[in-house]
Amino acid sequence: MRMFHRSGLILCLAAVLVSAETGCPYPEDVYPCTCVKGQLYELTCDHVDDPHVLLRVFENSRRYTFDVFNLKRSTLQYIPHQIFDDIKMFYFLMFNVTLRNLFDEVPRRDP
């Protein structure tokens, strides 16, 4: 019985550690976007015209926390609501972006 509790605790700690890594994902995982670390971890997507590209980039980045997400010089039908489901980011900035709708659906909100 004790072994189960210890292994359960180790599993929980591992899940917490894996859930939000610092750093940048591999460049091929976020292409055509780029991640850089200056004073902050910044993910920048430039000249994106397909919302599925953003979705793929964020699906490949679920383990990471970004301080800033920059969307630049892009024309999109919408921003996929799922990018906000599992990714932790503090700032979402848009520069010279044209959107038909802000989101495809309202992003869910965790309590």
PDB file of N, CA and C in Angstrom:
ATOM      1  N   MET A   1       0.825  -1.192   0.000  1.00  0.00           N
ATOM      2  CA  MET A   1       0.000   0.000   0.000  1.00  0.00           C
ATOM      3  C   MET A   1       0.871   1.259   0.000  1.00  0.00           C
ATOM      4  N   ARG A   2       1.930   1.272   0.762  1.00  0.00           N
ATOM      5  CA  ARG A   2       2.800   2.446   0.803  1.00  0.00           C
ATOM      6  C   ARG A   2       3.449   2.714  -0.551  1.00  0.00           C
ATOM      7  N   MET A   3       3.836   1.660  -1.240  1.00  0.00           N
ATOM      8  CA  MET A   3       4.473   1.826  -2.536  1.00  0.00           C
ATOM      9  C   MET A   3       3.550   2.563  -3.505  1.00  0.00           C
ATOM     10  N   PHE A   4       2.271   2.270  -3.469  1.00  0.00           N
ATOM     11  CA  PHE A   4       1.304   2.935  -4.338  1.00  0.00           C
ATOM     12  C   PHE A   4       1.260   4.431  -4.061  1.00  0.00           C
ATOM     13  N   HIS A   5       1.256   4.805  -2.810  1.00  0.00           N
ATOM     14  CA  HIS A   5       1.202   6.230  -2.468  1.00  0.00           C
ATOM     15  C   HIS A   5       2.449   6.956  -2.944  1.00  0.00           C
ATOM     16  N   ARG A   6       3.600   6.355  -2.777  1.00  0.00           N
ATOM     17  CA  ARG A   6       4.839   7.000  -3.229  1.00  0.00           C
ATOM     18  C   ARG A   6       4.861   7.127  -4.745  1.00  0.00           C
ATOM     19  N   SER A   7       4.487   6.056  -5.428  1.00  0.00           N
ATOM     20  CA  SER A   7       4.501   6.132  -6.890  1.00  0.00           C
ATOM     21  C   SER A   7       3.453   7.133  -7.377  1.00  0.00           C
ATOM     22  N   GLY A   8       2.315   7.211  -6.687  1.00  0.00           N
ATOM     23  CA  GLY A   8       1.303   8.197  -7.043  1.00  0.00           C
ATOM     24  C   GLY A   8       1.815   9.611  -6.858  1.00  0.00           C
ATOM     25  N   LEU A   9       2.548   9.844  -5.780  1.00  0.00           N
ATOM     26  CA  LEU A   9       3.123  11.159  -5.520  1.00  0.00           C
ATOM     27  C   LEU A   9       4.162  11.503  -6.577  1.00  0.00           C
ATOM     28  N   ILE A  10       5.000  10.550  -6.930  1.00  0.00           N
ATOM     29  CA  ILE A  10       6.013  10.791  -7.953  1.00  0.00           C
ATOM     30  C   ILE A  10       5.347  11.093  -9.287  1.00  0.00           C
ATOM     31  N   LEU A  11       4.295  10.377  -9.617  1.00  0.00           N
ATOM     32  CA  LEU A  11       3.575  10.613 -10.859  1.00  0.00           C
ATOM     33  C   LEU A  11       2.971  12.017 -10.877  1.00  0.00           C
ATOM     34  N   CYS A  12       2.391  12.449  -9.772  1.00  0.00           N
ATOM     35  CA  CYS A  12       1.812  13.796  -9.689  1.00  0.00           C
ATOM     36  C   CYS A  12       2.889  14.860  -9.849  1.00  0.00           C
ATOM     37  N   LEU A  13       4.020  14.686  -9.193  1.00  0.00           N
ATOM     38  CA  LEU A  13       5.114  15.650  -9.313  1.00  0.00           C
ATOM     39  C   LEU A  13       5.631  15.698 -10.742  1.00  0.00           C
ATOM     40  N   ALA A  14       5.756  14.547 -11.381  1.00  0.00           N
ATOM     41  CA  ALA A  14       6.218  14.512 -12.765  1.00  0.00           C
ATOM     42  C   ALA A  14       5.235  15.237 -13.670  1.00  0.00           C
ATOM     43  N   ALA A  15       3.950  15.074 -13.437  1.00  0.00           N
ATOM     44  CA  ALA A  15       2.940  15.752 -14.250  1.00  0.00           C
ATOM     45  C   ALA A  15       3.037  17.255 -14.086  1.00  0.00           C
ATOM     46  N   VAL A  16       3.282  17.718 -12.883  1.00  0.00           N
ATOM     47  CA  VAL A  16       3.428  19.152 -12.641  1.00  0.00           C
ATOM     48  C   VAL A  16       4.672  19.679 -13.333  1.00  0.00           C
ATOM     49  N   LEU A  17       5.768  18.939 -13.250  1.00  0.00           N
ATOM     50  CA  LEU A  17       7.003  19.394 -13.870  1.00  0.00           C
ATOM     51  C   LEU A  17       6.905  19.413 -15.388  1.00  0.00           C
ATOM     52  N   VAL A  18       6.198  18.483 -15.981  1.00  0.00           N
ATOM     53  CA  VAL A  18       6.086  18.416 -17.425  1.00  0.00           C
ATOM     54  C   VAL A  18       5.074  19.420 -17.955  1.00  0.00           C
ATOM     55  N   SER A  19       4.122  19.830 -17.131  1.00  0.00           N
ATOM     56  CA  SER A  19       3.023  20.646 -17.618  1.00  0.00           C
ATOM     57  C   SER A  19       3.440  22.044 -18.058  1.00  0.00           C
ATOM     58  N   ALA A  20       4.487  22.606 -17.526  1.00  0.00           N
ATOM     59  CA  ALA A  20       4.892  23.952 -17.928  1.00  0.00           C
ATOM     60  C   ALA A  20       6.404  24.083 -17.856  1.00  0.00           C
ATOM     61  N   GLU A  21       7.050  23.905 -18.997  1.00  0.00           N
ATOM     62  CA  GLU A  21       8.492  24.029 -19.054  1.00  0.00           C
ATOM     63  C   GLU A  21       8.858  25.459 -19.422  1.00  0.00           C
ATOM     64  N   THR A  22      10.016  25.872 -18.960  1.00  0.00           N
ATOM     65  CA  THR A  22      10.547  27.143 -19.426  1.00  0.00           C
ATOM     66  C   THR A  22      11.451  26.839 -20.607  1.00  0.00           C
ATOM     67  N   GLY A  23      11.707  27.834 -21.383  1.00  0.00           N
ATOM     68  CA  GLY A  23      12.527  27.636 -22.566  1.00  0.00           C
ATOM     69  C   GLY A  23      11.677  27.731 -23.813  1.00  0.00           C
ATOM     70  N   CYS A  24      12.280  27.357 -24.917  1.00  0.00           N
ATOM     71  CA  CYS A  24      11.593  27.403 -26.199  1.00  0.00           C
ATOM     72  C   CYS A  24      11.473  25.999 -26.769  1.00  0.00           C
ATOM     73  N   PRO A  25      10.374  25.730 -27.461  1.00  0.00           N
ATOM     74  CA  PRO A  25      10.253  24.450 -28.165  1.00  0.00           C
ATOM     75  C   PRO A  25      11.288  24.386 -29.296  1.00  0.00           C
ATOM     76  N   TYR A  26      11.469  23.205 -29.849  1.00  0.00           N
ATOM     77  CA  TYR A  26      12.351  23.068 -31.009  1.00  0.00           C
ATOM     78  C   TYR A  26      11.817  23.915 -32.153  1.00  0.00           C
ATOM     79  N   PRO A  27      12.712  24.565 -32.918  1.00  0.00           N
ATOM     80  CA  PRO A  27      12.263  25.434 -34.020  1.00  0.00           C
ATOM     81  C   PRO A  27      11.326  24.738 -35.002  1.00  0.00           C
ATOM     82  N   GLU A  28      11.573  23.461 -35.299  1.00  0.00           N
ATOM     83  CA  GLU A  28      10.706  22.763 -36.251  1.00  0.00           C
ATOM     84  C   GLU A  28       9.302  22.541 -35.691  1.00  0.00           C
ATOM     85  N   ASP A  29       9.155  22.569 -34.369  1.00  0.00           N
ATOM     86  CA  ASP A  29       7.834  22.397 -33.761  1.00  0.00           C
ATOM     87  C   ASP A  29       6.974  23.649 -33.858  1.00  0.00           C
ATOM     88  N   VAL A  30       7.602  24.807 -33.992  1.00  0.00           N
ATOM     89  CA  VAL A  30       6.834  26.055 -34.039  1.00  0.00           C
ATOM     90  C   VAL A  30       6.932  26.772 -35.389  1.00  0.00           C
ATOM     91  N   TYR A  31       7.622  26.171 -36.351  1.00  0.00           N
ATOM     92  CA  TYR A  31       7.743  26.783 -37.670  1.00  0.00           C
ATOM     93  C   TYR A  31       6.357  27.002 -38.282  1.00  0.00           C
ATOM     94  N   PRO A  32       6.072  28.138 -38.859  1.00  0.00           N
ATOM     95  CA  PRO A  32       6.918  29.239 -39.281  1.00  0.00           C
ATOM     96  C   PRO A  32       7.124  30.311 -38.211  1.00  0.00           C
ATOM     97  N   CYS A  33       6.683  30.041 -37.015  1.00  0.00           N
ATOM     98  CA  CYS A  33       6.879  30.984 -35.913  1.00  0.00           C
ATOM     99  C   CYS A  33       8.275  30.789 -35.325  1.00  0.00           C
ATOM    100  N   THR A  34       8.676  31.735 -34.491  1.00  0.00           N
ATOM    101  CA  THR A  34       9.982  31.636 -33.844  1.00  0.00           C
ATOM    102  C   THR A  34       9.829  31.923 -32.358  1.00  0.00           C
ATOM    103  N   CYS A  35      10.662  31.292 -31.577  1.00  0.00           N
ATOM    104  CA  CYS A  35      10.693  31.528 -30.138  1.00  0.00           C
ATOM    105  C   CYS A  35      12.081  32.025 -29.778  1.00  0.00           C
ATOM    106  N   VAL A  36      12.136  33.111 -29.032  1.00  0.00           N
ATOM    107  CA  VAL A  36      13.420  33.647 -28.579  1.00  0.00           C
ATOM    108  C   VAL A  36      13.325  33.975 -27.099  1.00  0.00           C
ATOM    109  N   LYS A  37      14.478  33.905 -26.460  1.00  0.00           N
ATOM    110  CA  LYS A  37      14.553  34.299 -25.061  1.00  0.00           C
ATOM    111  C   LYS A  37      15.467  35.502 -24.963  1.00  0.00           C
ATOM    112  N   GLY A  38      14.894  36.617 -24.586  1.00  0.00           N
ATOM    113  CA  GLY A  38      15.656  37.798 -24.239  1.00  0.00           C
ATOM    114  C   GLY A  38      15.451  37.951 -22.744  1.00  0.00           C
ATOM    115  N   GLN A  39      14.834  39.046 -22.348  1.00  0.00           N
ATOM    116  CA  GLN A  39      14.415  39.170 -20.953  1.00  0.00           C
ATOM    117  C   GLN A  39      13.184  38.312 -20.697  1.00  0.00           C
ATOM    118  N   LEU A  40      12.432  38.030 -21.765  1.00  0.00           N
ATOM    119  CA  LEU A  40      11.212  37.227 -21.684  1.00  0.00           C
ATOM    120  C   LEU A  40      11.261  36.140 -22.754  1.00  0.00           C
ATOM    121  N   TYR A  41      10.449  35.097 -22.587  1.00  0.00           N
ATOM    122  CA  TYR A  41      10.275  34.095 -23.636  1.00  0.00           C
ATOM    123  C   TYR A  41       9.183  34.593 -24.565  1.00  0.00           C
ATOM    124  N   GLU A  42       9.545  34.808 -25.831  1.00  0.00           N
ATOM    125  CA  GLU A  42       8.597  35.349 -26.798  1.00  0.00           C
ATOM    126  C   GLU A  42       8.411  34.395 -27.963  1.00  0.00           C
ATOM    127  N   LEU A  43       7.151  34.110 -28.265  1.00  0.00           N
ATOM    128  CA  LEU A  43       6.800  33.344 -29.453  1.00  0.00           C
ATOM    129  C   LEU A  43       6.215  34.338 -30.443  1.00  0.00           C
ATOM    130  N   THR A  44       6.792  34.402 -31.641  1.00  0.00           N
ATOM    131  CA  THR A  44       6.352  35.355 -32.652  1.00  0.00           C
ATOM    132  C   THR A  44       5.962  34.620 -33.922  1.00  0.00           C
ATOM    133  N   CYS A  45       4.771  34.929 -34.412  1.00  0.00           N
ATOM    134  CA  CYS A  45       4.295  34.392 -35.684  1.00  0.00           C
ATOM    135  C   CYS A  45       4.096  35.575 -36.622  1.00  0.00           C
ATOM    136  N   ASP A  46       4.735  35.516 -37.775  1.00  0.00           N
ATOM    137  CA  ASP A  46       4.741  36.613 -38.733  1.00  0.00           C
ATOM    138  C   ASP A  46       4.239  36.098 -40.083  1.00  0.00           C
ATOM    139  N   HIS A  47       3.369  36.867 -40.724  1.00  0.00           N
ATOM    140  CA  HIS A  47       2.831  36.524 -42.045  1.00  0.00           C
ATOM    141  C   HIS A  47       2.114  35.176 -42.045  1.00  0.00           C
ATOM    142  N   VAL A  48       1.232  34.970 -41.093  1.00  0.00           N
ATOM    143  CA  VAL A  48       0.440  33.738 -41.026  1.00  0.00           C
ATOM    144  C   VAL A  48      -0.923  34.018 -41.657  1.00  0.00           C
ATOM    145  N   ASP A  49      -1.351  33.129 -42.552  1.00  0.00           N
ATOM    146  CA  ASP A  49      -2.657  33.330 -43.189  1.00  0.00           C
ATOM    147  C   ASP A  49      -3.589  32.133 -43.023  1.00  0.00           C
ATOM    148  N   ASP A  50      -3.182  31.152 -42.253  1.00  0.00           N
ATOM    149  CA  ASP A  50      -4.002  29.963 -42.036  1.00  0.00           C
ATOM    150  C   ASP A  50      -4.134  29.711 -40.532  1.00  0.00           C
ATOM    151  N   PRO A  51      -5.351  29.733 -39.989  1.00  0.00           N
ATOM    152  CA  PRO A  51      -5.510  29.512 -38.552  1.00  0.00           C
ATOM    153  C   PRO A  51      -5.019  28.140 -38.098  1.00  0.00           C
ATOM    154  N   HIS A  52      -5.001  27.170 -39.012  1.00  0.00           N
ATOM    155  CA  HIS A  52      -4.522  25.834 -38.644  1.00  0.00           C
ATOM    156  C   HIS A  52      -3.023  25.824 -38.359  1.00  0.00           C
ATOM    157  N   VAL A  53      -2.300  26.772 -38.952  1.00  0.00           N
ATOM    158  CA  VAL A  53      -0.869  26.907 -38.648  1.00  0.00           C
ATOM    159  C   VAL A  53      -0.705  27.286 -37.178  1.00  0.00           C
ATOM    160  N   LEU A  54      -1.481  28.262 -36.723  1.00  0.00           N
ATOM    161  CA  LEU A  54      -1.415  28.653 -35.309  1.00  0.00           C
ATOM    162  C   LEU A  54      -1.799  27.491 -34.404  1.00  0.00           C
ATOM    163  N   LEU A  55      -2.810  26.773 -34.787  1.00  0.00           N
ATOM    164  CA  LEU A  55      -3.260  25.637 -33.989  1.00  0.00           C
ATOM    165  C   LEU A  55      -2.157  24.589 -33.859  1.00  0.00           C
ATOM    166  N   ARG A  56      -1.482  24.274 -34.957  1.00  0.00           N
ATOM    167  CA  ARG A  56      -0.395  23.294 -34.925  1.00  0.00           C
ATOM    168  C   ARG A  56       0.760  23.777 -34.052  1.00  0.00           C
ATOM    169  N   VAL A  57       1.125  25.048 -34.206  1.00  0.00           N
ATOM    170  CA  VAL A  57       2.218  25.613 -33.408  1.00  0.00           C
ATOM    171  C   VAL A  57       1.905  25.498 -31.920  1.00  0.00           C
ATOM    172  N   PHE A  58       0.690  25.844 -31.535  1.00  0.00           N
ATOM    173  CA  PHE A  58       0.335  25.794 -30.117  1.00  0.00           C
ATOM    174  C   PHE A  58       0.139  24.371 -29.613  1.00  0.00           C
ATOM    175  N   GLU A  59      -0.326  23.482 -30.462  1.00  0.00           N
ATOM    176  CA  GLU A  59      -0.416  22.076 -30.047  1.00  0.00           C
ATOM    177  C   GLU A  59       0.973  21.513 -29.770  1.00  0.00           C
ATOM    178  N   ASN A  60       1.962  21.942 -30.540  1.00  0.00           N
ATOM    179  CA  ASN A  60       3.338  21.483 -30.344  1.00  0.00           C
ATOM    180  C   ASN A  60       4.030  22.184 -29.183  1.00  0.00           C
ATOM    181  N   SER A  61       3.377  23.168 -28.585  1.00  0.00           N
ATOM    182  CA  SER A  61       4.001  23.975 -27.528  1.00  0.00           C
ATOM    183  C   SER A  61       3.278  23.871 -26.195  1.00  0.00           C
ATOM    184  N   ARG A  62       2.422  22.895 -26.039  1.00  0.00           N
ATOM    185  CA  ARG A  62       1.593  22.806 -24.828  1.00  0.00           C
ATOM    186  C   ARG A  62       2.383  22.762 -23.534  1.00  0.00           C
ATOM    187  N   ARG A  63       3.575  22.225 -23.562  1.00  0.00           N
ATOM    188  CA  ARG A  63       4.356  22.078 -22.322  1.00  0.00           C
ATOM    189  C   ARG A  63       5.031  23.376 -21.894  1.00  0.00           C
ATOM    190  N   TYR A  64       4.990  24.388 -22.713  1.00  0.00           N
ATOM    191  CA  TYR A  64       5.786  25.587 -22.467  1.00  0.00           C
ATOM    192  C   TYR A  64       4.936  26.754 -21.986  1.00  0.00           C
ATOM    193  N   THR A  65       5.581  27.630 -21.264  1.00  0.00           N
ATOM    194  CA  THR A  65       4.979  28.888 -20.850  1.00  0.00           C
ATOM    195  C   THR A  65       5.689  30.002 -21.603  1.00  0.00           C
ATOM    196  N   PHE A  66       4.915  30.847 -22.261  1.00  0.00           N
ATOM    197  CA  PHE A  66       5.475  31.987 -22.976  1.00  0.00           C
ATOM    198  C   PHE A  66       5.082  33.259 -22.244  1.00  0.00           C
ATOM    199  N   ASP A  67       6.024  34.172 -22.140  1.00  0.00           N
ATOM    200  CA  ASP A  67       5.695  35.464 -21.551  1.00  0.00           C
ATOM    201  C   ASP A  67       4.888  36.297 -22.540  1.00  0.00           C
ATOM    202  N   VAL A  68       5.276  36.211 -23.809  1.00  0.00           N
ATOM    203  CA  VAL A  68       4.648  37.046 -24.832  1.00  0.00           C
ATOM    204  C   VAL A  68       4.387  36.205 -26.082  1.00  0.00           C
ATOM    205  N   PHE A  69       3.186  36.358 -26.650  1.00  0.00           N
ATOM    206  CA  PHE A  69       2.897  35.816 -27.976  1.00  0.00           C
ATOM    207  C   PHE A  69       2.622  36.996 -28.882  1.00  0.00           C
ATOM    208  N   ASN A  70       3.435  37.144 -29.927  1.00  0.00           N
ATOM    209  CA  ASN A  70       3.287  38.213 -30.907  1.00  0.00           C
ATOM    210  C   ASN A  70       2.735  37.638 -32.200  1.00  0.00           C
ATOM    211  N   LEU A  71       1.669  38.218 -32.683  1.00  0.00           N
ATOM    212  CA  LEU A  71       1.142  37.875 -33.996  1.00  0.00           C
ATOM    213  C   LEU A  71       1.301  39.121 -34.854  1.00  0.00           C
ATOM    214  N   LYS A  72       2.087  39.001 -35.943  1.00  0.00           N
ATOM    215  CA  LYS A  72       2.434  40.173 -36.743  1.00  0.00           C
ATOM    216  C   LYS A  72       2.104  39.971 -38.213  1.00  0.00           C
ATOM    217  N   ARG A  73       1.740  41.072 -38.866  1.00  0.00           N
ATOM    218  CA  ARG A  73       1.547  41.125 -40.315  1.00  0.00           C
ATOM    219  C   ARG A  73       0.855  39.872 -40.847  1.00  0.00           C
ATOM    220  N   SER A  74      -0.317  39.607 -40.300  1.00  0.00           N
ATOM    221  CA  SER A  74      -1.049  38.394 -40.655  1.00  0.00           C
ATOM    222  C   SER A  74      -2.489  38.721 -41.022  1.00  0.00           C
ATOM    223  N   THR A  75      -3.056  37.895 -41.882  1.00  0.00           N
ATOM    224  CA  THR A  75      -4.457  37.998 -42.258  1.00  0.00           C
ATOM    225  C   THR A  75      -5.087  36.636 -42.017  1.00  0.00           C
ATOM    226  N   LEU A  76      -6.059  36.601 -41.115  1.00  0.00           N
ATOM    227  CA  LEU A  76      -6.685  35.340 -40.722  1.00  0.00           C
ATOM    228  C   LEU A  76      -8.199  35.475 -40.709  1.00  0.00           C
ATOM    229  N   GLN A  77      -8.882  34.372 -40.957  1.00  0.00           N
ATOM    230  CA  GLN A  77     -10.331  34.351 -40.796  1.00  0.00           C
ATOM    231  C   GLN A  77     -10.679  34.517 -39.317  1.00  0.00           C
ATOM    232  N   TYR A  78      -9.892  33.872 -38.460  1.00  0.00           N
ATOM    233  CA  TYR A  78     -10.128  33.901 -37.015  1.00  0.00           C
ATOM    234  C   TYR A  78      -8.896  33.354 -36.303  1.00  0.00           C
ATOM    235  N   ILE A  79      -8.873  33.520 -35.002  1.00  0.00           N
ATOM    236  CA  ILE A  79      -7.855  32.895 -34.154  1.00  0.00           C
ATOM    237  C   ILE A  79      -8.507  31.667 -33.527  1.00  0.00           C
ATOM    238  N   PRO A  80      -7.912  30.489 -33.690  1.00  0.00           N
ATOM    239  CA  PRO A  80      -8.516  29.287 -33.103  1.00  0.00           C
ATOM    240  C   PRO A  80      -8.592  29.396 -31.578  1.00  0.00           C
ATOM    241  N   HIS A  81      -9.771  29.182 -31.029  1.00  0.00           N
ATOM    242  CA  HIS A  81      -9.950  29.327 -29.581  1.00  0.00           C
ATOM    243  C   HIS A  81      -9.100  28.333 -28.798  1.00  0.00           C
ATOM    244  N   GLN A  82      -8.756  27.205 -29.406  1.00  0.00           N
ATOM    245  CA  GLN A  82      -8.012  26.167 -28.696  1.00  0.00           C
ATOM    246  C   GLN A  82      -6.601  26.600 -28.298  1.00  0.00           C
ATOM    247  N   ILE A  83      -6.068  27.627 -28.956  1.00  0.00           N
ATOM    248  CA  ILE A  83      -4.698  28.008 -28.597  1.00  0.00           C
ATOM    249  C   ILE A  83      -4.622  28.534 -27.165  1.00  0.00           C
ATOM    250  N   PHE A  84      -5.749  28.923 -26.613  1.00  0.00           N
ATOM    251  CA  PHE A  84      -5.751  29.426 -25.242  1.00  0.00           C
ATOM    252  C   PHE A  84      -6.121  28.355 -24.224  1.00  0.00           C
ATOM    253  N   ASP A  85      -6.451  27.160 -24.689  1.00  0.00           N
ATOM    254  CA  ASP A  85      -6.884  26.106 -23.774  1.00  0.00           C
ATOM    255  C   ASP A  85      -5.770  25.597 -22.869  1.00  0.00           C
ATOM    256  N   ASP A  86      -4.626  25.299 -23.436  1.00  0.00           N
ATOM    257  CA  ASP A  86      -3.573  24.651 -22.660  1.00  0.00           C
ATOM    258  C   ASP A  86      -2.285  25.447 -22.553  1.00  0.00           C
ATOM    259  N   ILE A  87      -2.170  26.507 -23.288  1.00  0.00           N
ATOM    260  CA  ILE A  87      -0.935  27.281 -23.294  1.00  0.00           C
ATOM    261  C   ILE A  87      -1.016  28.386 -22.257  1.00  0.00           C
ATOM    262  N   LYS A  88       0.074  28.547 -21.543  1.00  0.00           N
ATOM    263  CA  LYS A  88       0.154  29.646 -20.588  1.00  0.00           C
ATOM    264  C   LYS A  88       0.931  30.779 -21.248  1.00  0.00           C
ATOM    265  N   MET A  89       0.302  31.941 -21.317  1.00  0.00           N
ATOM    266  CA  MET A  89       0.974  33.126 -21.835  1.00  0.00           C
ATOM    267  C   MET A  89       0.481  34.319 -21.031  1.00  0.00           C
ATOM    268  N   PHE A  90       1.339  35.303 -20.901  1.00  0.00           N
ATOM    269  CA  PHE A  90       0.987  36.474 -20.111  1.00  0.00           C
ATOM    270  C   PHE A  90       0.514  37.634 -20.980  1.00  0.00           C
ATOM    271  N   TYR A  91       1.102  37.783 -22.166  1.00  0.00           N
ATOM    272  CA  TYR A  91       0.723  38.864 -23.071  1.00  0.00           C
ATOM    273  C   TYR A  91       0.460  38.293 -24.455  1.00  0.00           C
ATOM    274  N   PHE A  92      -0.614  38.747 -25.078  1.00  0.00           N
ATOM    275  CA  PHE A  92      -0.935  38.392 -26.460  1.00  0.00           C
ATOM    276  C   PHE A  92      -1.014  39.701 -27.216  1.00  0.00           C
ATOM    277  N   LEU A  93      -0.053  39.933 -28.098  1.00  0.00           N
ATOM    278  CA  LEU A  93       0.035  41.196 -28.819  1.00  0.00           C
ATOM    279  C   LEU A  93      -0.170  40.969 -30.309  1.00  0.00           C
ATOM    280  N   MET A  94      -0.921  41.867 -30.942  1.00  0.00           N
ATOM    281  CA  MET A  94      -1.139  41.794 -32.383  1.00  0.00           C
ATOM    282  C   MET A  94      -0.678  43.101 -33.010  1.00  0.00           C
ATOM    283  N   PHE A  95       0.075  42.968 -34.099  1.00  0.00           N
ATOM    284  CA  PHE A  95       0.581  44.113 -34.832  1.00  0.00           C
ATOM    285  C   PHE A  95       0.243  43.931 -36.308  1.00  0.00           C
ATOM    286  N   ASN A  96      -0.507  44.879 -36.873  1.00  0.00           N
ATOM    287  CA  ASN A  96      -0.851  44.846 -38.285  1.00  0.00           C
ATOM    288  C   ASN A  96      -1.501  43.511 -38.661  1.00  0.00           C
ATOM    289  N   VAL A  97      -2.555  43.159 -37.940  1.00  0.00           N
ATOM    290  CA  VAL A  97      -3.268  41.899 -38.145  1.00  0.00           C
ATOM    291  C   VAL A  97      -4.692  42.204 -38.604  1.00  0.00           C
ATOM    292  N   THR A  98      -5.135  41.492 -39.628  1.00  0.00           N
ATOM    293  CA  THR A  98      -6.501  41.604 -40.112  1.00  0.00           C
ATOM    294  C   THR A  98      -7.234  40.312 -39.779  1.00  0.00           C
ATOM    295  N   LEU A  99      -8.366  40.453 -39.096  1.00  0.00           N
ATOM    296  CA  LEU A  99      -9.179  39.298 -38.714  1.00  0.00           C
ATOM    297  C   LEU A  99     -10.605  39.507 -39.197  1.00  0.00           C
ATOM    298  N   ARG A 100     -11.204  38.455 -39.717  1.00  0.00           N
ATOM    299  CA  ARG A 100     -12.626  38.530 -40.061  1.00  0.00           C
ATOM    300  C   ARG A 100     -13.456  38.418 -38.788  1.00  0.00           C
ATOM    301  N   ASN A 101     -13.098  37.467 -37.931  1.00  0.00           N
ATOM    302  CA  ASN A 101     -13.682  37.301 -36.599  1.00  0.00           C
ATOM    303  C   ASN A 101     -12.529  37.141 -35.626  1.00  0.00           C
ATOM    304  N   LEU A 102     -12.745  37.542 -34.394  1.00  0.00           N
ATOM    305  CA  LEU A 102     -11.667  37.403 -33.426  1.00  0.00           C
ATOM    306  C   LEU A 102     -11.383  35.932 -33.142  1.00  0.00           C
ATOM    307  N   PHE A 103     -12.426  35.144 -32.834  1.00  0.00           N
ATOM    308  CA  PHE A 103     -12.268  33.718 -32.550  1.00  0.00           C
ATOM    309  C   PHE A 103     -13.290  32.921 -33.343  1.00  0.00           C
ATOM    310  N   ASP A 104     -12.995  31.637 -33.531  1.00  0.00           N
ATOM    311  CA  ASP A 104     -13.978  30.743 -34.137  1.00  0.00           C
ATOM    312  C   ASP A 104     -15.061  30.393 -33.125  1.00  0.00           C
ATOM    313  N   GLU A 105     -14.691  30.276 -31.856  1.00  0.00           N
ATOM    314  CA  GLU A 105     -15.609  30.069 -30.732  1.00  0.00           C
ATOM    315  C   GLU A 105     -15.054  30.841 -29.542  1.00  0.00           C
ATOM    316  N   VAL A 106     -15.894  31.072 -28.570  1.00  0.00           N
ATOM    317  CA  VAL A 106     -15.428  31.749 -27.362  1.00  0.00           C
ATOM    318  C   VAL A 106     -14.468  30.819 -26.628  1.00  0.00           C
ATOM    319  N   PRO A 107     -13.254  31.292 -26.291  1.00  0.00           N
ATOM    320  CA  PRO A 107     -12.326  30.437 -25.540  1.00  0.00           C
ATOM    321  C   PRO A 107     -12.914  30.072 -24.182  1.00  0.00           C
ATOM    322  N   ARG A 108     -12.646  28.844 -23.753  1.00  0.00           N
ATOM    323  CA  ARG A 108     -13.139  28.426 -22.432  1.00  0.00           C
ATOM    324  C   ARG A 108     -12.340  29.155 -21.366  1.00  0.00           C
ATOM    325  N   ARG A 109     -12.944  29.277 -20.222  1.00  0.00           N
ATOM    326  CA  ARG A 109     -12.289  29.954 -19.108  1.00  0.00           C
ATOM    327  C   ARG A 109     -12.246  29.023 -17.932  1.00  0.00           C
ATOM    328  N   ASP A 110     -11.058  28.783 -17.416  1.00  0.00           N
ATOM    329  CA  ASP A 110     -10.939  27.966 -16.214  1.00  0.00           C
ATOM    330  C   ASP A 110     -11.192  28.835 -14.997  1.00  0.00           C
ATOM    331  N   PRO A 111     -11.845  28.269 -13.984  1.00  0.00           N
ATOM    332  CA  PRO A 111     -12.125  29.065 -12.781  1.00  0.00           C
ATOM    333  C   PRO A 111     -10.871  29.416 -12.029  1.00  0.00           C
TER     334      PRO A 111
END
